[in-house]
Amino acid sequence: MTVPLDQLPTRAAQTWARLSDEARASLGDALTALWGYGGTVFPDRSRRLGDLDTVAILERVPDERTTRDLQQAEAEIAREHDIDWDIWYVLASDAARTEPPHDALHPERRLTSWAIERAQWHAGHYVNLFGRAPEGLVPPPTWQEIEAALSRELEHIERHVEEGDDDPFEATYAIWNGSRILYAIDTGDVAISKRSGGMWALEHLPERWHEAIHAAGRAYDGEATPQDAEVLRESMAPFVAMVREHLPLVDPRGARRTAAVE
């Protein structure tokens, strides 16, 4: 079961509907499917609208003029609706494979979280904006693929720690996404929202982490206090290190073991 467009916040629904119209007009029969996904499609979404995660499945790479027109339309829609896009264009031939695909319009970009996205789509966490459903276009991921994607996701967070990028936005992402990674390790399920990962962490992690998780929740909703910002900065590095310590507890053959998180 997919997420109906009319169950989303009005601004997100209108923005995605407008993109669908523009993409179909620009791409014509080169557009196979268009899906919205990410935190916005979950019922426990942030109280403020975040990036609109979107993927378009293409039969072929569009020519330069079509690409230019499409990108101009994206920019105009973002400006009019005051949103940020996170759009990926994936060739249908690449979507049918398990390897993380390159963006068809920007080949230097690669969708490294491909296994996680596929898991969420196969669980019905997407809005079908146009065309075929993902269940018929992308393969369901194996646990080994998900584990590799979780590790890459954690590596991305660790780079921010190493570079000292510990502002409230990045720290919130690190703590709640880290919680979601721990949840996935413990349950074998990655098709949940960041907030659900944080709520699971409150129930399963020691109390020493609770203040940071609560602060991340307020920051996620745009309600962080200066004290929350300081808590997040101080907690980001040790929390990420704790997640890394427990990531290898997954058996490479796919068996799941409970992580004794401290």
C-alpha atoms as a PDB file:
ATOM      1  CA  MET A   1       0.000   0.000   0.000  1.00  0.00           C
ATOM      2  CA  THR A   2       1.386   3.400  -0.957  1.00  0.00           C
ATOM      3  CA  VAL A   3       0.986   6.745   0.794  1.00  0.00           C
ATOM      4  CA  PRO A   4      -1.837   8.850  -0.759  1.00  0.00           C
ATOM      5  CA  LEU A   5      -0.788  12.316  -1.831  1.00  0.00           C
ATOM      6  CA  ASP A   6      -3.759  13.884  -0.038  1.00  0.00           C
ATOM      7  CA  GLN A   7      -2.508  12.557   3.304  1.00  0.00           C
ATOM      8  CA  LEU A   8       0.623  14.700   3.111  1.00  0.00           C
ATOM      9  CA  PRO A   9       1.079  18.322   4.221  1.00  0.00           C
ATOM     10  CA  THR A  10      -0.546  20.597   1.655  1.00  0.00           C
ATOM     11  CA  ARG A  11       2.689  22.280   0.604  1.00  0.00           C
ATOM     12  CA  ALA A  12       4.438  18.953   0.001  1.00  0.00           C
ATOM     13  CA  ALA A  13       1.467  17.562  -1.935  1.00  0.00           C
ATOM     14  CA  GLN A  14       1.195  20.640  -4.133  1.00  0.00           C
ATOM     15  CA  THR A  15       4.948  20.752  -4.772  1.00  0.00           C
ATOM     16  CA  TRP A  16       5.180  17.102  -5.754  1.00  0.00           C
ATOM     17  CA  ALA A  17       2.081  17.357  -7.969  1.00  0.00           C
ATOM     18  CA  ARG A  18       3.605  20.355  -9.744  1.00  0.00           C
ATOM     19  CA  LEU A  19       6.896  18.497 -10.275  1.00  0.00           C
ATOM     20  CA  SER A  20       4.999  15.546 -11.709  1.00  0.00           C
ATOM     21  CA  ASP A  21       3.309  17.802 -14.264  1.00  0.00           C
ATOM     22  CA  GLU A  22       6.601  19.456 -15.246  1.00  0.00           C
ATOM     23  CA  ALA A  23       8.514  16.168 -15.448  1.00  0.00           C
ATOM     24  CA  ARG A  24       5.898  14.565 -17.689  1.00  0.00           C
ATOM     25  CA  ALA A  25       5.800  17.627 -19.926  1.00  0.00           C
ATOM     26  CA  SER A  26       9.587  17.791 -20.243  1.00  0.00           C
ATOM     27  CA  LEU A  27      10.472  14.100 -20.418  1.00  0.00           C
ATOM     28  CA  GLY A  28       7.487  12.621 -22.243  1.00  0.00           C
ATOM     29  CA  ASP A  29       7.803   8.887 -22.825  1.00  0.00           C
ATOM     30  CA  ALA A  30      11.320   8.896 -21.348  1.00  0.00           C
ATOM     31  CA  LEU A  31       9.738   9.094 -17.882  1.00  0.00           C
ATOM     32  CA  THR A  32       8.812   5.643 -16.567  1.00  0.00           C
ATOM     33  CA  ALA A  33       7.980   6.530 -12.974  1.00  0.00           C
ATOM     34  CA  LEU A  34       8.210   9.276 -10.377  1.00  0.00           C
ATOM     35  CA  TRP A  35       8.072   8.643  -6.619  1.00  0.00           C
ATOM     36  CA  GLY A  36       8.207  10.817  -3.522  1.00  0.00           C
ATOM     37  CA  TYR A  37       9.663   9.264  -0.387  1.00  0.00           C
ATOM     38  CA  GLY A  38      11.690  10.024   2.748  1.00  0.00           C
ATOM     39  CA  GLY A  39      10.650  11.536   6.051  1.00  0.00           C
ATOM     40  CA  THR A  40       7.789  13.563   4.559  1.00  0.00           C
ATOM     41  CA  VAL A  41       5.740  10.441   3.729  1.00  0.00           C
ATOM     42  CA  PHE A  42       5.797   9.087   7.313  1.00  0.00           C
ATOM     43  CA  PRO A  43       2.989  10.011   9.723  1.00  0.00           C
ATOM     44  CA  ASP A  44       5.542  11.081  12.374  1.00  0.00           C
ATOM     45  CA  ARG A  45       7.247  13.503   9.995  1.00  0.00           C
ATOM     46  CA  SER A  46       8.946  16.669  11.213  1.00  0.00           C
ATOM     47  CA  ARG A  47       6.667  19.583  12.117  1.00  0.00           C
ATOM     48  CA  ARG A  48       8.663  21.624   9.613  1.00  0.00           C
ATOM     49  CA  LEU A  49       8.905  20.538   6.006  1.00  0.00           C
ATOM     50  CA  GLY A  50      12.330  19.135   5.133  1.00  0.00           C
ATOM     51  CA  ASP A  51      13.870  18.221   1.797  1.00  0.00           C
ATOM     52  CA  LEU A  52      11.497  16.468  -0.591  1.00  0.00           C
ATOM     53  CA  ASP A  53      13.209  13.197  -1.502  1.00  0.00           C
ATOM     54  CA  THR A  54      12.240  12.234  -5.033  1.00  0.00           C
ATOM     55  CA  VAL A  55      13.343   9.681  -7.613  1.00  0.00           C
ATOM     56  CA  ALA A  56      12.529   9.626 -11.317  1.00  0.00           C
ATOM     57  CA  ILE A  57      13.004   6.428 -13.317  1.00  0.00           C
ATOM     58  CA  LEU A  58      14.020   7.131 -16.925  1.00  0.00           C
ATOM     59  CA  GLU A  59      14.091   4.978 -20.034  1.00  0.00           C
ATOM     60  CA  ARG A  60      16.945   7.026 -21.461  1.00  0.00           C
ATOM     61  CA  VAL A  61      19.118  10.024 -20.653  1.00  0.00           C
ATOM     62  CA  PRO A  62      17.410  13.216 -21.881  1.00  0.00           C
ATOM     63  CA  ASP A  63      19.185  15.610 -24.222  1.00  0.00           C
ATOM     64  CA  GLU A  64      20.838  18.781 -22.939  1.00  0.00           C
ATOM     65  CA  ARG A  65      17.896  21.062 -23.734  1.00  0.00           C
ATOM     66  CA  THR A  66      15.409  18.823 -21.935  1.00  0.00           C
ATOM     67  CA  THR A  67      17.735  18.542 -18.952  1.00  0.00           C
ATOM     68  CA  ARG A  68      18.137  22.317 -18.811  1.00  0.00           C
ATOM     69  CA  ASP A  69      14.367  22.890 -19.002  1.00  0.00           C
ATOM     70  CA  LEU A  70      13.722  20.324 -16.310  1.00  0.00           C
ATOM     71  CA  GLN A  71      16.295  21.783 -13.929  1.00  0.00           C
ATOM     72  CA  GLN A  72      14.900  25.270 -14.488  1.00  0.00           C
ATOM     73  CA  ALA A  73      11.411  23.989 -13.633  1.00  0.00           C
ATOM     74  CA  GLU A  74      12.753  22.336 -10.463  1.00  0.00           C
ATOM     75  CA  ALA A  75      14.359  25.602  -9.367  1.00  0.00           C
ATOM     76  CA  GLU A  76      11.188  27.601 -10.040  1.00  0.00           C
ATOM     77  CA  ILE A  77       9.018  25.150  -8.110  1.00  0.00           C
ATOM     78  CA  ALA A  78      11.437  25.149  -5.173  1.00  0.00           C
ATOM     79  CA  ARG A  79      11.470  28.934  -5.098  1.00  0.00           C
ATOM     80  CA  GLU A  80       7.690  29.301  -5.366  1.00  0.00           C
ATOM     81  CA  HIS A  81       6.933  26.717  -2.678  1.00  0.00           C
ATOM     82  CA  ASP A  82       9.958  27.483  -0.478  1.00  0.00           C
ATOM     83  CA  ILE A  83      11.266  23.919  -0.409  1.00  0.00           C
ATOM     84  CA  ASP A  84      14.521  22.078  -1.091  1.00  0.00           C
ATOM     85  CA  TRP A  85      14.719  19.124  -3.453  1.00  0.00           C
ATOM     86  CA  ASP A  86      16.740  15.946  -3.157  1.00  0.00           C
ATOM     87  CA  ILE A  87      15.996  14.511  -6.603  1.00  0.00           C
ATOM     88  CA  TRP A  88      17.598  11.490  -8.238  1.00  0.00           C
ATOM     89  CA  TYR A  89      17.243  10.469 -11.876  1.00  0.00           C
ATOM     90  CA  VAL A  90      17.894   6.763 -12.377  1.00  0.00           C
ATOM     91  CA  LEU A  91      17.846   4.814 -15.625  1.00  0.00           C
ATOM     92  CA  ALA A  92      15.368   1.923 -15.583  1.00  0.00           C
ATOM     93  CA  SER A  93      18.159  -0.468 -16.546  1.00  0.00           C
ATOM     94  CA  ASP A  94      20.126   0.630 -13.455  1.00  0.00           C
ATOM     95  CA  ALA A  95      17.054   0.560 -11.214  1.00  0.00           C
ATOM     96  CA  ALA A  96      16.621  -3.139 -11.981  1.00  0.00           C
ATOM     97  CA  ARG A  97      20.073  -3.889 -10.550  1.00  0.00           C
ATOM     98  CA  THR A  98      21.210  -4.175  -6.937  1.00  0.00           C
ATOM     99  CA  GLU A  99      24.303  -1.954  -7.236  1.00  0.00           C
ATOM    100  CA  PRO A 100      23.863   1.675  -6.113  1.00  0.00           C
ATOM    101  CA  PRO A 101      23.072   3.599  -9.307  1.00  0.00           C
ATOM    102  CA  HIS A 102      24.616   6.798 -10.604  1.00  0.00           C
ATOM    103  CA  ASP A 103      22.378   9.777 -11.263  1.00  0.00           C
ATOM    104  CA  ALA A 104      21.547   9.806 -14.984  1.00  0.00           C
ATOM    105  CA  LEU A 105      21.794  13.624 -15.153  1.00  0.00           C
ATOM    106  CA  HIS A 106      24.762  13.980 -12.803  1.00  0.00           C
ATOM    107  CA  PRO A 107      26.920  10.839 -13.190  1.00  0.00           C
ATOM    108  CA  GLU A 108      29.325  12.004 -10.477  1.00  0.00           C
ATOM    109  CA  ARG A 109      26.525  11.410  -7.928  1.00  0.00           C
ATOM    110  CA  ARG A 110      25.737   7.907  -6.702  1.00  0.00           C
ATOM    111  CA  LEU A 111      22.745   6.833  -4.608  1.00  0.00           C
ATOM    112  CA  THR A 112      24.713   4.916  -1.975  1.00  0.00           C
ATOM    113  CA  SER A 113      21.627   4.362   0.207  1.00  0.00           C
ATOM    114  CA  TRP A 114      20.001   2.412  -2.646  1.00  0.00           C
ATOM    115  CA  ALA A 115      19.353  -0.732  -0.572  1.00  0.00           C
ATOM    116  CA  ILE A 116      17.693   1.305   2.195  1.00  0.00           C
ATOM    117  CA  GLU A 117      15.505   3.201  -0.258  1.00  0.00           C
ATOM    118  CA  ARG A 118      14.433  -0.061  -1.912  1.00  0.00           C
ATOM    119  CA  ALA A 119      13.518  -1.526   1.468  1.00  0.00           C
ATOM    120  CA  GLN A 120      11.342   1.484   2.256  1.00  0.00           C
ATOM    121  CA  TRP A 121       9.664   1.425  -1.155  1.00  0.00           C
ATOM    122  CA  HIS A 122       8.906  -2.289  -0.920  1.00  0.00           C
ATOM    123  CA  ALA A 123       7.357  -1.582   2.488  1.00  0.00           C
ATOM    124  CA  GLY A 124       5.029   0.949   0.844  1.00  0.00           C
ATOM    125  CA  HIS A 125       6.679   4.108   2.183  1.00  0.00           C
ATOM    126  CA  TYR A 126       6.420   6.202  -0.974  1.00  0.00           C
ATOM    127  CA  VAL A 127       4.012   8.361  -2.949  1.00  0.00           C
ATOM    128  CA  ASN A 128       3.446   7.198  -6.512  1.00  0.00           C
ATOM    129  CA  LEU A 129       3.454  10.487  -8.412  1.00  0.00           C
ATOM    130  CA  PHE A 130       3.494   8.937 -11.867  1.00  0.00           C
ATOM    131  CA  GLY A 131       3.911   5.641 -13.668  1.00  0.00           C
ATOM    132  CA  ARG A 132       4.835   2.207 -12.471  1.00  0.00           C
ATOM    133  CA  ALA A 133       5.211   1.281  -8.815  1.00  0.00           C
ATOM    134  CA  PRO A 134       8.705   0.538  -7.435  1.00  0.00           C
ATOM    135  CA  GLU A 135       7.756  -3.032  -6.540  1.00  0.00           C
ATOM    136  CA  GLY A 136       7.799  -3.841 -10.245  1.00  0.00           C
ATOM    137  CA  LEU A 137      10.929  -1.889 -11.112  1.00  0.00           C
ATOM    138  CA  VAL A 138      13.470  -2.352  -8.320  1.00  0.00           C
ATOM    139  CA  PRO A 139      14.492  -5.598  -6.592  1.00  0.00           C
ATOM    140  CA  PRO A 140      13.975  -6.034  -2.851  1.00  0.00           C
ATOM    141  CA  PRO A 141      17.293  -5.747  -0.974  1.00  0.00           C
ATOM    142  CA  THR A 142      19.095  -8.523   0.827  1.00  0.00           C
ATOM    143  CA  TRP A 143      20.253  -8.064   4.404  1.00  0.00           C
ATOM    144  CA  GLN A 144      23.877  -7.992   3.236  1.00  0.00           C
ATOM    145  CA  GLU A 145      23.053  -5.062   0.940  1.00  0.00           C
ATOM    146  CA  ILE A 146      21.264  -3.246   3.751  1.00  0.00           C
ATOM    147  CA  GLU A 147      24.187  -3.795   6.125  1.00  0.00           C
ATOM    148  CA  ALA A 148      26.598  -2.354   3.555  1.00  0.00           C
ATOM    149  CA  ALA A 149      24.330   0.662   3.040  1.00  0.00           C
ATOM    150  CA  LEU A 150      24.080   1.224   6.804  1.00  0.00           C
ATOM    151  CA  SER A 151      27.853   1.171   7.048  1.00  0.00           C
ATOM    152  CA  ARG A 152      28.164   3.732   4.243  1.00  0.00           C
ATOM    153  CA  GLU A 153      25.552   5.883   5.947  1.00  0.00           C
ATOM    154  CA  LEU A 154      27.519   5.775   9.179  1.00  0.00           C
ATOM    155  CA  GLU A 155      30.744   6.593   7.314  1.00  0.00           C
ATOM    156  CA  HIS A 156      29.038   9.723   5.990  1.00  0.00           C
ATOM    157  CA  ILE A 157      28.129  10.761   9.539  1.00  0.00           C
ATOM    158  CA  GLU A 158      31.643   9.988  10.765  1.00  0.00           C
ATOM    159  CA  ARG A 159      33.135  12.320   8.159  1.00  0.00           C
ATOM    160  CA  HIS A 160      31.112  15.177   9.624  1.00  0.00           C
ATOM    161  CA  VAL A 161      32.435  14.285  13.075  1.00  0.00           C
ATOM    162  CA  GLU A 162      36.027  14.194  11.814  1.00  0.00           C
ATOM    163  CA  GLU A 163      35.604  17.572  10.116  1.00  0.00           C
ATOM    164  CA  GLY A 164      34.135  19.126  13.258  1.00  0.00           C
ATOM    165  CA  ASP A 165      30.803  19.750  11.532  1.00  0.00           C
ATOM    166  CA  ASP A 166      28.708  19.511  14.672  1.00  0.00           C
ATOM    167  CA  ASP A 167      26.041  22.166  14.176  1.00  0.00           C
ATOM    168  CA  PRO A 168      22.562  21.245  15.488  1.00  0.00           C
ATOM    169  CA  PHE A 169      21.337  20.114  12.065  1.00  0.00           C
ATOM    170  CA  GLU A 170      24.192  17.662  11.509  1.00  0.00           C
ATOM    171  CA  ALA A 171      24.182  16.498  15.122  1.00  0.00           C
ATOM    172  CA  THR A 172      20.439  15.834  14.979  1.00  0.00           C
ATOM    173  CA  TYR A 173      20.880  13.839  11.775  1.00  0.00           C
ATOM    174  CA  ALA A 174      23.733  11.884  13.369  1.00  0.00           C
ATOM    175  CA  ILE A 175      21.871  11.004  16.561  1.00  0.00           C
ATOM    176  CA  TRP A 176      18.512  10.117  15.059  1.00  0.00           C
ATOM    177  CA  ASN A 177      19.952   8.361  12.041  1.00  0.00           C
ATOM    178  CA  GLY A 178      22.377   6.570  14.327  1.00  0.00           C
ATOM    179  CA  SER A 179      19.389   5.445  16.384  1.00  0.00           C
ATOM    180  CA  ARG A 180      17.725   4.158  13.229  1.00  0.00           C
ATOM    181  CA  ILE A 181      20.883   2.222  12.340  1.00  0.00           C
ATOM    182  CA  LEU A 182      20.890   0.567  15.768  1.00  0.00           C
ATOM    183  CA  TYR A 183      17.207  -0.267  15.366  1.00  0.00           C
ATOM    184  CA  ALA A 184      17.926  -1.902  12.005  1.00  0.00           C
ATOM    185  CA  ILE A 185      20.773  -3.951  13.468  1.00  0.00           C
ATOM    186  CA  ASP A 186      18.594  -5.162  16.316  1.00  0.00           C
ATOM    187  CA  THR A 187      15.437  -5.913  14.317  1.00  0.00           C
ATOM    188  CA  GLY A 188      16.481  -6.435  10.700  1.00  0.00           C
ATOM    189  CA  ASP A 189      14.007  -3.718   9.678  1.00  0.00           C
ATOM    190  CA  VAL A 190      15.214  -0.491   8.058  1.00  0.00           C
ATOM    191  CA  ALA A 191      11.855   0.767   6.787  1.00  0.00           C
ATOM    192  CA  ILE A 192      11.159   3.247   9.584  1.00  0.00           C
ATOM    193  CA  SER A 193      11.355   7.012  10.006  1.00  0.00           C
ATOM    194  CA  LYS A 194      14.108   8.885  11.842  1.00  0.00           C
ATOM    195  CA  ARG A 195      11.649   9.806  14.596  1.00  0.00           C
ATOM    196  CA  SER A 196      10.671   6.167  15.068  1.00  0.00           C
ATOM    197  CA  GLY A 197      14.359   5.317  15.305  1.00  0.00           C
ATOM    198  CA  GLY A 198      14.740   7.965  17.999  1.00  0.00           C
ATOM    199  CA  MET A 199      11.707   6.691  19.923  1.00  0.00           C
ATOM    200  CA  TRP A 200      13.093   3.147  19.780  1.00  0.00           C
ATOM    201  CA  ALA A 201      16.410   4.439  21.110  1.00  0.00           C
ATOM    202  CA  LEU A 202      14.680   6.045  24.105  1.00  0.00           C
ATOM    203  CA  GLU A 203      13.284   2.644  25.024  1.00  0.00           C
ATOM    204  CA  HIS A 204      16.427   0.614  24.367  1.00  0.00           C
ATOM    205  CA  LEU A 205      19.491   2.790  24.955  1.00  0.00           C
ATOM    206  CA  PRO A 206      20.870   3.617  28.411  1.00  0.00           C
ATOM    207  CA  GLU A 207      19.630   6.790  30.065  1.00  0.00           C
ATOM    208  CA  ARG A 208      22.947   8.565  29.441  1.00  0.00           C
ATOM    209  CA  TRP A 209      21.852   9.073  25.802  1.00  0.00           C
ATOM    210  CA  HIS A 210      18.291  10.218  26.469  1.00  0.00           C
ATOM    211  CA  GLU A 211      19.006  13.931  26.847  1.00  0.00           C
ATOM    212  CA  ALA A 212      20.680  14.025  23.426  1.00  0.00           C
ATOM    213  CA  ILE A 213      17.844  12.073  21.797  1.00  0.00           C
ATOM    214  CA  HIS A 214      15.230  14.435  23.253  1.00  0.00           C
ATOM    215  CA  ALA A 215      17.290  17.436  22.097  1.00  0.00           C
ATOM    216  CA  ALA A 216      17.495  15.929  18.610  1.00  0.00           C
ATOM    217  CA  GLY A 217      13.717  15.568  18.578  1.00  0.00           C
ATOM    218  CA  ARG A 218      13.193  19.245  19.346  1.00  0.00           C
ATOM    219  CA  ALA A 219      15.788  20.240  16.750  1.00  0.00           C
ATOM    220  CA  TYR A 220      14.105  17.990  14.162  1.00  0.00           C
ATOM    221  CA  ASP A 221      10.911  19.995  14.665  1.00  0.00           C
ATOM    222  CA  GLY A 222      12.716  23.346  14.584  1.00  0.00           C
ATOM    223  CA  GLU A 223      12.186  23.915  18.313  1.00  0.00           C
ATOM    224  CA  ALA A 224      15.713  23.509  19.690  1.00  0.00           C
ATOM    225  CA  THR A 225      16.906  25.753  22.507  1.00  0.00           C
ATOM    226  CA  PRO A 226      20.499  27.022  22.881  1.00  0.00           C
ATOM    227  CA  GLN A 227      20.940  24.361  25.570  1.00  0.00           C
ATOM    228  CA  ASP A 228      19.739  21.687  23.141  1.00  0.00           C
ATOM    229  CA  ALA A 229      22.314  22.885  20.607  1.00  0.00           C
ATOM    230  CA  GLU A 230      25.098  22.506  23.172  1.00  0.00           C
ATOM    231  CA  VAL A 231      23.897  19.036  24.203  1.00  0.00           C
ATOM    232  CA  LEU A 232      23.835  17.966  20.556  1.00  0.00           C
ATOM    233  CA  ARG A 233      27.357  19.261  19.914  1.00  0.00           C
ATOM    234  CA  GLU A 234      28.753  17.485  22.951  1.00  0.00           C
ATOM    235  CA  SER A 235      26.918  14.223  22.257  1.00  0.00           C
ATOM    236  CA  MET A 236      27.445  13.847  18.509  1.00  0.00           C
ATOM    237  CA  ALA A 237      30.939  12.314  18.467  1.00  0.00           C
ATOM    238  CA  PRO A 238      30.501   9.836  21.369  1.00  0.00           C
ATOM    239  CA  PHE A 239      27.075   8.766  20.104  1.00  0.00           C
ATOM    240  CA  VAL A 240      28.404   8.072  16.605  1.00  0.00           C
ATOM    241  CA  ALA A 241      31.353   6.149  18.077  1.00  0.00           C
ATOM    242  CA  MET A 242      28.910   4.010  20.072  1.00  0.00           C
ATOM    243  CA  VAL A 243      26.906   3.224  16.931  1.00  0.00           C
ATOM    244  CA  ARG A 244      30.062   2.234  15.038  1.00  0.00           C
ATOM    245  CA  GLU A 245      31.046  -0.092  17.874  1.00  0.00           C
ATOM    246  CA  HIS A 246      27.826  -2.048  17.472  1.00  0.00           C
ATOM    247  CA  LEU A 247      27.405  -2.077  13.700  1.00  0.00           C
ATOM    248  CA  PRO A 248      29.608  -5.190  13.182  1.00  0.00           C
ATOM    249  CA  LEU A 249      27.271  -7.280  15.370  1.00  0.00           C
ATOM    250  CA  VAL A 250      25.348  -8.278  12.227  1.00  0.00           C
ATOM    251  CA  ASP A 251      26.232 -11.742  10.959  1.00  0.00           C
ATOM    252  CA  PRO A 252      27.426 -11.415   7.324  1.00  0.00           C
ATOM    253  CA  ARG A 253      25.121 -14.302   6.345  1.00  0.00           C
ATOM    254  CA  GLY A 254      22.112 -12.274   7.430  1.00  0.00           C
ATOM    255  CA  ALA A 255      21.420 -13.587  10.931  1.00  0.00           C
ATOM    256  CA  ARG A 256      20.590 -10.867  13.450  1.00  0.00           C
ATOM    257  CA  ARG A 257      22.030 -10.555  16.938  1.00  0.00           C
ATOM    258  CA  THR A 258      20.861  -8.236  19.670  1.00  0.00           C
ATOM    259  CA  ALA A 259      23.274  -5.380  20.278  1.00  0.00           C
ATOM    260  CA  ALA A 260      24.129  -4.844  23.926  1.00  0.00           C
ATOM    261  CA  VAL A 261      24.225  -1.068  23.662  1.00  0.00           C
ATOM    262  CA  GLU A 262      25.912   0.870  26.446  1.00  0.00           C
END
